[in-house]
Amino acid sequence: MAKASLLPTRSPSTSFIVAKYLGEAVDKVRREEHKALMAEGRDDLKGGKYTWQYNPQNMSARQWRDFKSL
């Protein structure tokens, strides 16, 4: 008879669900910040939507430079 695991099993899709919610949260904050900056007449975040979603370890030198400028 196989031993029952004491740890709950995780579905492979759990990681994707967490990543989805995290991405949505980051996007929501980015939109709110962009809206506030645009109200002040600043466009600092314009065109930077996907820059926030990159994994820093996978960024090219140009992407990293763009990210740091934000």
C-alpha atoms as a PDB file:
ATOM      1  CA  MET A   1       0.000   0.000   0.000  1.00  0.00           C
ATOM      2  CA  ALA A   2       1.357   3.430  -0.931  1.00  0.00           C
ATOM      3  CA  LYS A   3       1.953   6.002   1.761  1.00  0.00           C
ATOM      4  CA  ALA A   4      -0.254   9.050   1.704  1.00  0.00           C
ATOM      5  CA  SER A   5       1.671  12.246   1.227  1.00  0.00           C
ATOM      6  CA  LEU A   6       1.496  14.748   4.056  1.00  0.00           C
ATOM      7  CA  LEU A   7       1.975  17.618   1.630  1.00  0.00           C
ATOM      8  CA  PRO A   8      -0.943  18.748  -0.475  1.00  0.00           C
ATOM      9  CA  THR A   9      -0.531  18.051  -4.141  1.00  0.00           C
ATOM     10  CA  ARG A  10      -0.262  20.989  -6.486  1.00  0.00           C
ATOM     11  CA  SER A  11      -1.711  21.080  -9.903  1.00  0.00           C
ATOM     12  CA  PRO A  12       0.712  22.245 -12.601  1.00  0.00           C
ATOM     13  CA  SER A  13      -1.785  24.938 -13.459  1.00  0.00           C
ATOM     14  CA  THR A  14      -1.471  26.480  -9.975  1.00  0.00           C
ATOM     15  CA  SER A  15       1.729  28.273 -10.963  1.00  0.00           C
ATOM     16  CA  PHE A  16       0.061  29.651 -14.063  1.00  0.00           C
ATOM     17  CA  ILE A  17      -2.913  30.875 -12.063  1.00  0.00           C
ATOM     18  CA  VAL A  18      -0.629  32.639  -9.583  1.00  0.00           C
ATOM     19  CA  ALA A  19       1.348  34.184 -12.450  1.00  0.00           C
ATOM     20  CA  LYS A  20      -1.890  35.345 -14.066  1.00  0.00           C
ATOM     21  CA  TYR A  21      -3.102  37.088 -10.912  1.00  0.00           C
ATOM     22  CA  LEU A  22       0.302  38.611 -10.281  1.00  0.00           C
ATOM     23  CA  GLY A  23       0.463  39.939 -13.837  1.00  0.00           C
ATOM     24  CA  GLU A  24      -3.025  41.390 -13.539  1.00  0.00           C
ATOM     25  CA  ALA A  25      -2.132  43.081 -10.243  1.00  0.00           C
ATOM     26  CA  VAL A  26       1.029  44.614 -11.694  1.00  0.00           C
ATOM     27  CA  ASP A  27      -0.914  45.826 -14.720  1.00  0.00           C
ATOM     28  CA  LYS A  28      -3.633  47.351 -12.525  1.00  0.00           C
ATOM     29  CA  VAL A  29      -1.094  49.303 -10.466  1.00  0.00           C
ATOM     30  CA  ARG A  30       0.743  50.386 -13.618  1.00  0.00           C
ATOM     31  CA  ARG A  31      -2.505  51.681 -15.141  1.00  0.00           C
ATOM     32  CA  GLU A  32      -3.363  53.608 -11.971  1.00  0.00           C
ATOM     33  CA  GLU A  33       0.109  55.137 -11.800  1.00  0.00           C
ATOM     34  CA  HIS A  34       0.022  55.997 -15.499  1.00  0.00           C
ATOM     35  CA  LYS A  35      -3.364  57.672 -15.105  1.00  0.00           C
ATOM     36  CA  ALA A  36      -2.116  59.738 -12.149  1.00  0.00           C
ATOM     37  CA  LEU A  37       1.045  60.772 -14.000  1.00  0.00           C
ATOM     38  CA  MET A  38      -0.899  61.705 -17.134  1.00  0.00           C
ATOM     39  CA  ALA A  39      -3.161  63.913 -14.989  1.00  0.00           C
ATOM     40  CA  GLU A  40       0.012  65.753 -13.936  1.00  0.00           C
ATOM     41  CA  GLY A  41       1.063  66.098 -17.567  1.00  0.00           C
ATOM     42  CA  ARG A  42       3.817  63.483 -17.381  1.00  0.00           C
ATOM     43  CA  ASP A  43       4.145  60.510 -19.707  1.00  0.00           C
ATOM     44  CA  ASP A  44       6.946  58.632 -17.928  1.00  0.00           C
ATOM     45  CA  LEU A  45       5.232  55.249 -18.176  1.00  0.00           C
ATOM     46  CA  LYS A  46       4.019  55.628 -21.743  1.00  0.00           C
ATOM     47  CA  GLY A  47       4.986  52.583 -23.790  1.00  0.00           C
ATOM     48  CA  GLY A  48       6.299  50.667 -20.781  1.00  0.00           C
ATOM     49  CA  LYS A  49       3.508  48.165 -20.192  1.00  0.00           C
ATOM     50  CA  TYR A  50       5.456  45.055 -21.077  1.00  0.00           C
ATOM     51  CA  THR A  51       8.705  46.290 -19.562  1.00  0.00           C
ATOM     52  CA  TRP A  52       7.229  45.665 -16.110  1.00  0.00           C
ATOM     53  CA  GLN A  53       6.316  42.098 -17.010  1.00  0.00           C
ATOM     54  CA  TYR A  54       9.756  40.896 -18.104  1.00  0.00           C
ATOM     55  CA  ASN A  55      11.822  38.708 -15.850  1.00  0.00           C
ATOM     56  CA  PRO A  56      14.930  40.805 -15.075  1.00  0.00           C
ATOM     57  CA  GLN A  57      17.116  37.745 -15.627  1.00  0.00           C
ATOM     58  CA  ASN A  58      15.851  37.499 -19.210  1.00  0.00           C
ATOM     59  CA  MET A  59      16.133  41.182 -20.133  1.00  0.00           C
ATOM     60  CA  SER A  60      18.440  42.354 -22.860  1.00  0.00           C
ATOM     61  CA  ALA A  61      20.739  45.285 -22.146  1.00  0.00           C
ATOM     62  CA  ARG A  62      18.302  47.653 -23.883  1.00  0.00           C
ATOM     63  CA  GLN A  63      15.313  46.303 -21.956  1.00  0.00           C
ATOM     64  CA  TRP A  64      17.195  46.609 -18.670  1.00  0.00           C
ATOM     65  CA  ARG A  65      18.208  50.200 -19.503  1.00  0.00           C
ATOM     66  CA  ASP A  66      14.592  51.063 -20.360  1.00  0.00           C
ATOM     67  CA  PHE A  67      13.379  49.471 -17.137  1.00  0.00           C
ATOM     68  CA  LYS A  68      15.892  51.358 -15.003  1.00  0.00           C
ATOM     69  CA  SER A  69      14.849  54.637 -16.625  1.00  0.00           C
ATOM     70  CA  LEU A  70      11.301  54.139 -15.342  1.00  0.00           C
END
